[in-house]
Amino acid sequence: MRVGSFDTGAAIIDIRKAGRGRVELLLDCHSGSKFGDGTSVAAGTLTQRQAHELVTRLVDETPWLQRALAMHLMEQLLEHGTKDVEAK
């Protein structure tokens, strides 16, 4: 999925199950955007726990990504409603 905008920060986020409790993860910033730690790409095959920790850290350290994810969630909720959203 693509989140954000080119003027405030944008990223492509792709997370897929890879089997055996692992996931393939790609977070790729666009048009000069960077995560809070100064990097622009995070990718690899990780355990679900490692992927969760990495994504949590990147989101915690990157205010534009926090806003972009919140806006993406709101757009999805407005488009589809909450009937398919499960609180966890």
N, C-alpha and C. Protein backbone atom coordinates (compact mmCIF):
# COMPACT_ATOMS: atom_id res chain seq x y z
N MET A 1 0.84 -1.17 0.00
CA MET A 1 0.00 0.00 0.00
C MET A 1 0.89 1.23 0.00
N ARG A 2 0.37 2.29 -0.56
CA ARG A 2 1.08 3.56 -0.58
C ARG A 2 0.41 4.48 0.44
N VAL A 3 1.22 5.12 1.28
CA VAL A 3 0.69 6.05 2.26
C VAL A 3 1.44 7.37 2.16
N GLY A 4 0.77 8.45 2.55
CA GLY A 4 1.40 9.76 2.57
C GLY A 4 1.28 10.48 1.25
N SER A 5 2.01 11.58 1.16
CA SER A 5 2.04 12.38 -0.05
C SER A 5 3.47 12.83 -0.30
N PHE A 6 3.75 13.22 -1.53
CA PHE A 6 5.11 13.59 -1.87
C PHE A 6 5.57 14.86 -1.17
N ASP A 7 4.65 15.73 -0.79
CA ASP A 7 5.07 16.96 -0.12
C ASP A 7 5.24 16.80 1.39
N THR A 8 4.64 15.78 2.00
CA THR A 8 4.78 15.61 3.45
C THR A 8 5.52 14.33 3.83
N GLY A 9 5.77 13.45 2.89
CA GLY A 9 6.41 12.16 3.14
C GLY A 9 5.54 11.04 2.63
N ALA A 10 6.14 10.12 1.89
CA ALA A 10 5.38 9.02 1.31
C ALA A 10 6.19 7.74 1.37
N ALA A 11 5.48 6.62 1.47
CA ALA A 11 6.15 5.32 1.53
C ALA A 11 5.26 4.25 0.92
N ILE A 12 5.91 3.23 0.40
CA ILE A 12 5.26 2.00 -0.02
C ILE A 12 5.48 1.00 1.11
N ILE A 13 4.42 0.34 1.54
CA ILE A 13 4.51 -0.65 2.61
C ILE A 13 3.97 -1.97 2.07
N ASP A 14 4.79 -3.00 2.13
CA ASP A 14 4.38 -4.32 1.66
C ASP A 14 4.82 -5.35 2.70
N ILE A 15 3.85 -6.05 3.27
CA ILE A 15 4.14 -7.08 4.26
C ILE A 15 3.38 -8.33 3.85
N ARG A 16 4.11 -9.45 3.68
CA ARG A 16 3.50 -10.71 3.24
C ARG A 16 4.00 -11.86 4.10
N LYS A 17 3.12 -12.82 4.34
CA LYS A 17 3.53 -14.02 5.07
C LYS A 17 4.50 -14.81 4.20
N ALA A 18 5.57 -15.31 4.83
CA ALA A 18 6.58 -16.07 4.11
C ALA A 18 6.63 -17.52 4.57
N GLY A 19 5.75 -17.91 5.50
CA GLY A 19 5.74 -19.27 6.02
C GLY A 19 6.64 -19.42 7.22
N ARG A 20 6.36 -20.45 8.00
CA ARG A 20 7.15 -20.78 9.20
C ARG A 20 7.26 -19.61 10.18
N GLY A 21 6.17 -18.83 10.30
CA GLY A 21 6.17 -17.72 11.25
C GLY A 21 6.99 -16.53 10.82
N ARG A 22 7.34 -16.45 9.55
CA ARG A 22 8.15 -15.35 9.05
C ARG A 22 7.33 -14.48 8.09
N VAL A 23 7.78 -13.25 7.92
CA VAL A 23 7.14 -12.33 6.98
C VAL A 23 8.20 -11.66 6.12
N GLU A 24 7.81 -11.34 4.90
CA GLU A 24 8.64 -10.51 4.02
C GLU A 24 8.16 -9.09 4.20
N LEU A 25 9.09 -8.19 4.48
CA LEU A 25 8.76 -6.82 4.82
C LEU A 25 9.47 -5.86 3.88
N LEU A 26 8.75 -4.87 3.37
CA LEU A 26 9.35 -3.80 2.59
C LEU A 26 8.68 -2.49 2.98
N LEU A 27 9.45 -1.56 3.47
CA LEU A 27 9.01 -0.19 3.68
C LEU A 27 9.99 0.68 2.90
N ASP A 28 9.49 1.37 1.89
CA ASP A 28 10.34 2.11 0.96
C ASP A 28 9.84 3.55 0.87
N CYS A 29 10.64 4.49 1.34
CA CYS A 29 10.27 5.91 1.29
C CYS A 29 10.43 6.43 -0.13
N HIS A 30 9.63 7.46 -0.46
CA HIS A 30 9.68 8.04 -1.80
C HIS A 30 9.97 9.53 -1.75
N SER A 31 10.45 10.03 -2.85
CA SER A 31 10.73 11.45 -3.10
C SER A 31 11.47 12.14 -1.96
N GLY A 32 12.57 11.53 -1.54
CA GLY A 32 13.42 12.14 -0.52
C GLY A 32 12.98 11.94 0.91
N SER A 33 11.86 11.25 1.13
CA SER A 33 11.40 10.99 2.50
C SER A 33 12.38 10.06 3.20
N LYS A 34 12.46 10.21 4.50
CA LYS A 34 13.29 9.33 5.31
C LYS A 34 12.55 8.99 6.60
N PHE A 35 12.89 7.83 7.16
CA PHE A 35 12.36 7.46 8.46
C PHE A 35 13.09 8.28 9.51
N GLY A 36 12.60 8.23 10.74
CA GLY A 36 13.19 9.00 11.82
C GLY A 36 14.65 8.68 12.09
N ASP A 37 15.10 7.46 11.74
CA ASP A 37 16.49 7.09 11.97
C ASP A 37 17.40 7.48 10.80
N GLY A 38 16.85 8.17 9.78
CA GLY A 38 17.65 8.63 8.65
C GLY A 38 17.70 7.68 7.47
N THR A 39 17.16 6.48 7.60
CA THR A 39 17.16 5.54 6.50
C THR A 39 15.94 5.77 5.61
N SER A 40 15.99 5.20 4.40
CA SER A 40 14.84 5.37 3.50
C SER A 40 14.24 4.03 3.08
N VAL A 41 14.87 2.91 3.45
CA VAL A 41 14.34 1.59 3.10
C VAL A 41 14.56 0.64 4.27
N ALA A 42 13.54 -0.17 4.54
CA ALA A 42 13.67 -1.28 5.49
C ALA A 42 13.09 -2.49 4.78
N ALA A 43 13.90 -3.54 4.63
CA ALA A 43 13.44 -4.72 3.88
C ALA A 43 14.11 -5.97 4.43
N GLY A 44 13.40 -7.08 4.30
CA GLY A 44 13.98 -8.35 4.70
C GLY A 44 12.92 -9.37 5.05
N THR A 45 13.37 -10.60 5.28
CA THR A 45 12.50 -11.66 5.76
C THR A 45 12.80 -11.83 7.25
N LEU A 46 11.79 -11.57 8.06
CA LEU A 46 11.97 -11.54 9.50
C LEU A 46 10.92 -12.40 10.19
N THR A 47 11.16 -12.73 11.45
CA THR A 47 10.10 -13.36 12.23
C THR A 47 9.00 -12.31 12.42
N GLN A 48 7.81 -12.76 12.74
CA GLN A 48 6.72 -11.82 12.96
C GLN A 48 7.06 -10.85 14.09
N ARG A 49 7.70 -11.35 15.12
CA ARG A 49 8.09 -10.49 16.25
C ARG A 49 9.10 -9.43 15.82
N GLN A 50 10.12 -9.84 15.05
CA GLN A 50 11.11 -8.88 14.57
C GLN A 50 10.47 -7.83 13.67
N ALA A 51 9.58 -8.26 12.79
CA ALA A 51 8.90 -7.33 11.88
C ALA A 51 8.05 -6.34 12.69
N HIS A 52 7.33 -6.86 13.68
CA HIS A 52 6.51 -5.99 14.53
C HIS A 52 7.37 -4.96 15.23
N GLU A 53 8.50 -5.39 15.80
CA GLU A 53 9.38 -4.48 16.51
C GLU A 53 9.97 -3.42 15.57
N LEU A 54 10.37 -3.83 14.37
CA LEU A 54 10.95 -2.90 13.41
C LEU A 54 9.92 -1.86 12.96
N VAL A 55 8.74 -2.33 12.57
CA VAL A 55 7.71 -1.40 12.11
C VAL A 55 7.29 -0.46 13.24
N THR A 56 7.13 -0.99 14.44
CA THR A 56 6.77 -0.15 15.59
C THR A 56 7.82 0.93 15.82
N ARG A 57 9.10 0.55 15.77
CA ARG A 57 10.17 1.53 15.98
C ARG A 57 10.15 2.60 14.90
N LEU A 58 10.03 2.18 13.63
CA LEU A 58 10.02 3.16 12.54
C LEU A 58 8.84 4.11 12.64
N VAL A 59 7.67 3.59 12.99
CA VAL A 59 6.49 4.45 13.13
C VAL A 59 6.68 5.39 14.33
N ASP A 60 7.17 4.87 15.45
CA ASP A 60 7.38 5.71 16.63
C ASP A 60 8.34 6.86 16.34
N GLU A 61 9.36 6.62 15.51
CA GLU A 61 10.40 7.61 15.25
C GLU A 61 10.10 8.52 14.06
N THR A 62 8.97 8.32 13.37
CA THR A 62 8.74 9.03 12.12
C THR A 62 7.36 9.69 12.12
N PRO A 63 7.29 10.96 12.54
CA PRO A 63 5.99 11.64 12.63
C PRO A 63 5.20 11.67 11.32
N TRP A 64 5.85 11.88 10.18
CA TRP A 64 5.09 11.93 8.93
C TRP A 64 4.46 10.58 8.62
N LEU A 65 5.12 9.48 9.00
CA LEU A 65 4.57 8.15 8.77
C LEU A 65 3.38 7.90 9.70
N GLN A 66 3.44 8.39 10.93
CA GLN A 66 2.31 8.29 11.85
C GLN A 66 1.08 8.95 11.24
N ARG A 67 1.26 10.19 10.74
CA ARG A 67 0.14 10.91 10.12
C ARG A 67 -0.37 10.19 8.88
N ALA A 68 0.56 9.69 8.05
CA ALA A 68 0.17 9.02 6.81
C ALA A 68 -0.63 7.75 7.09
N LEU A 69 -0.21 6.97 8.06
CA LEU A 69 -0.94 5.75 8.41
C LEU A 69 -2.31 6.07 9.00
N ALA A 70 -2.37 7.10 9.84
CA ALA A 70 -3.66 7.49 10.42
C ALA A 70 -4.62 7.96 9.32
N MET A 71 -4.12 8.73 8.37
CA MET A 71 -4.97 9.21 7.28
C MET A 71 -5.41 8.06 6.39
N HIS A 72 -4.52 7.11 6.13
CA HIS A 72 -4.88 5.95 5.32
C HIS A 72 -5.99 5.14 6.01
N LEU A 73 -5.85 4.94 7.30
CA LEU A 73 -6.87 4.22 8.06
C LEU A 73 -8.21 4.95 7.99
N MET A 74 -8.20 6.26 8.18
CA MET A 74 -9.45 7.03 8.12
C MET A 74 -10.08 6.94 6.73
N GLU A 75 -9.28 7.03 5.67
CA GLU A 75 -9.81 6.90 4.31
C GLU A 75 -10.47 5.54 4.11
N GLN A 76 -9.84 4.49 4.62
CA GLN A 76 -10.41 3.15 4.49
C GLN A 76 -11.70 3.01 5.29
N LEU A 77 -11.73 3.56 6.49
CA LEU A 77 -12.94 3.50 7.31
C LEU A 77 -14.08 4.29 6.67
N LEU A 78 -13.77 5.45 6.12
CA LEU A 78 -14.80 6.25 5.46
C LEU A 78 -15.34 5.57 4.21
N GLU A 79 -14.45 4.88 3.51
CA GLU A 79 -14.86 4.19 2.28
C GLU A 79 -15.63 2.91 2.56
N HIS A 80 -15.18 2.14 3.56
CA HIS A 80 -15.74 0.81 3.78
C HIS A 80 -16.55 0.68 5.07
N GLY A 81 -16.50 1.66 5.93
CA GLY A 81 -17.18 1.55 7.21
C GLY A 81 -16.37 0.70 8.18
N THR A 82 -16.97 0.40 9.31
CA THR A 82 -16.26 -0.35 10.34
C THR A 82 -16.73 -1.79 10.48
N LYS A 83 -17.65 -2.24 9.65
CA LYS A 83 -18.18 -3.58 9.84
C LYS A 83 -17.13 -4.67 9.69
N ASP A 84 -16.07 -4.42 8.88
CA ASP A 84 -15.04 -5.42 8.68
C ASP A 84 -13.80 -5.17 9.53
N VAL A 85 -13.83 -4.14 10.36
CA VAL A 85 -12.68 -3.80 11.19
C VAL A 85 -12.87 -4.43 12.56
N GLU A 86 -11.91 -5.22 12.98
CA GLU A 86 -11.97 -5.91 14.26
C GLU A 86 -11.00 -5.27 15.23
N ALA A 87 -11.47 -4.83 16.36
CA ALA A 87 -10.60 -4.23 17.38
C ALA A 87 -9.80 -5.34 18.05
N LYS A 88 -8.53 -5.09 18.25
CA LYS A 88 -7.66 -6.08 18.91
C LYS A 88 -6.94 -5.44 20.05
